[in-house]
Amino acid sequence: MAKSKKFDLENPAPIVDDEDEETLAAIDEGLRDAETGRTVPAEEVRRLLPKWTTASSTRKKR
């Protein structure tokens, strides 16, 4: 079994700043939506997820 590591709160890991602008904009949009209460309960996401994915996006790649 792999040995677990303790969190070192005194010396946190550096933040890697390698996200592209599109990803950062999507994160900001999601945070704004959450702050304004525009969220969807997990149960609703589970119900809607099959509709959000298409057969082509879930098909195994060869």
C-alpha atoms as a PDB file:
ATOM      1  CA  MET A   1       0.000   0.000   0.000  1.00  0.00           C
ATOM      2  CA  ALA A   2       1.256   3.469  -0.839  1.00  0.00           C
ATOM      3  CA  LYS A   3       2.283   5.609   2.092  1.00  0.00           C
ATOM      4  CA  SER A   4       0.113   8.675   2.534  1.00  0.00           C
ATOM      5  CA  LYS A   5       1.601  12.140   2.921  1.00  0.00           C
ATOM      6  CA  LYS A   6       0.584  14.680   5.538  1.00  0.00           C
ATOM      7  CA  PHE A   7      -0.526  18.118   4.483  1.00  0.00           C
ATOM      8  CA  ASP A   8       2.043  20.760   5.271  1.00  0.00           C
ATOM      9  CA  LEU A   9      -0.051  23.852   5.927  1.00  0.00           C
ATOM     10  CA  GLU A  10       3.024  25.848   6.837  1.00  0.00           C
ATOM     11  CA  ASN A  11       4.573  25.321   3.379  1.00  0.00           C
ATOM     12  CA  PRO A  12       1.795  24.862   0.808  1.00  0.00           C
ATOM     13  CA  ALA A  13       2.600  23.646  -2.689  1.00  0.00           C
ATOM     14  CA  PRO A  14       3.093  26.401  -5.253  1.00  0.00           C
ATOM     15  CA  ILE A  15       0.125  27.272  -7.428  1.00  0.00           C
ATOM     16  CA  VAL A  16       0.716  26.285 -11.029  1.00  0.00           C
ATOM     17  CA  ASP A  17      -0.528  29.038 -13.288  1.00  0.00           C
ATOM     18  CA  ASP A  18      -0.701  27.241 -16.615  1.00  0.00           C
ATOM     19  CA  GLU A  19      -4.412  27.433 -17.424  1.00  0.00           C
ATOM     20  CA  ASP A  20      -5.390  29.063 -20.698  1.00  0.00           C
ATOM     21  CA  GLU A  21      -7.633  32.131 -20.838  1.00  0.00           C
ATOM     22  CA  GLU A  22     -10.694  30.140 -21.943  1.00  0.00           C
ATOM     23  CA  THR A  23     -10.424  27.780 -18.965  1.00  0.00           C
ATOM     24  CA  LEU A  24      -9.920  30.653 -16.526  1.00  0.00           C
ATOM     25  CA  ALA A  25     -12.957  32.464 -17.967  1.00  0.00           C
ATOM     26  CA  ALA A  26     -15.094  29.311 -17.558  1.00  0.00           C
ATOM     27  CA  ILE A  27     -13.945  28.930 -13.948  1.00  0.00           C
ATOM     28  CA  ASP A  28     -14.779  32.585 -13.236  1.00  0.00           C
ATOM     29  CA  GLU A  29     -18.218  32.146 -14.804  1.00  0.00           C
ATOM     30  CA  GLY A  30     -18.887  29.072 -12.667  1.00  0.00           C
ATOM     31  CA  LEU A  31     -17.819  30.887  -9.501  1.00  0.00           C
ATOM     32  CA  ARG A  32     -20.088  33.839 -10.329  1.00  0.00           C
ATOM     33  CA  ASP A  33     -23.006  31.469 -10.950  1.00  0.00           C
ATOM     34  CA  ALA A  34     -22.404  29.671  -7.652  1.00  0.00           C
ATOM     35  CA  GLU A  35     -22.149  32.941  -5.724  1.00  0.00           C
ATOM     36  CA  THR A  36     -25.499  34.108  -7.134  1.00  0.00           C
ATOM     37  CA  GLY A  37     -27.173  30.805  -6.287  1.00  0.00           C
ATOM     38  CA  ARG A  38     -27.376  29.494  -9.846  1.00  0.00           C
ATOM     39  CA  THR A  39     -26.532  25.905  -9.043  1.00  0.00           C
ATOM     40  CA  VAL A  40     -28.048  22.520  -9.811  1.00  0.00           C
ATOM     41  CA  PRO A  41     -28.391  19.814  -7.149  1.00  0.00           C
ATOM     42  CA  ALA A  42     -26.285  16.680  -7.694  1.00  0.00           C
ATOM     43  CA  GLU A  43     -29.413  14.543  -8.152  1.00  0.00           C
ATOM     44  CA  GLU A  44     -30.536  16.784 -11.019  1.00  0.00           C
ATOM     45  CA  VAL A  45     -27.080  16.608 -12.639  1.00  0.00           C
ATOM     46  CA  ARG A  46     -27.175  12.796 -12.482  1.00  0.00           C
ATOM     47  CA  ARG A  47     -30.568  12.847 -14.189  1.00  0.00           C
ATOM     48  CA  LEU A  48     -29.468  15.297 -16.897  1.00  0.00           C
ATOM     49  CA  LEU A  49     -25.980  13.945 -17.556  1.00  0.00           C
ATOM     50  CA  PRO A  50     -27.061  11.269 -20.057  1.00  0.00           C
ATOM     51  CA  LYS A  51     -28.794  13.992 -22.101  1.00  0.00           C
ATOM     52  CA  TRP A  52     -25.668  16.179 -22.041  1.00  0.00           C
ATOM     53  CA  THR A  53     -23.415  13.476 -23.429  1.00  0.00           C
ATOM     54  CA  THR A  54     -23.834  12.130 -26.912  1.00  0.00           C
ATOM     55  CA  ALA A  55     -23.139   8.682 -28.249  1.00  0.00           C
ATOM     56  CA  SER A  56     -20.148   9.973 -30.184  1.00  0.00           C
ATOM     57  CA  SER A  57     -18.559  11.639 -27.161  1.00  0.00           C
ATOM     58  CA  THR A  58     -18.827   8.498 -25.037  1.00  0.00           C
ATOM     59  CA  ARG A  59     -17.772   6.019 -27.734  1.00  0.00           C
ATOM     60  CA  LYS A  60     -14.460   4.243 -27.218  1.00  0.00           C
ATOM     61  CA  LYS A  61     -11.610   5.536 -29.345  1.00  0.00           C
ATOM     62  CA  ARG A  62      -9.836   2.986 -31.515  1.00  0.00           C
END
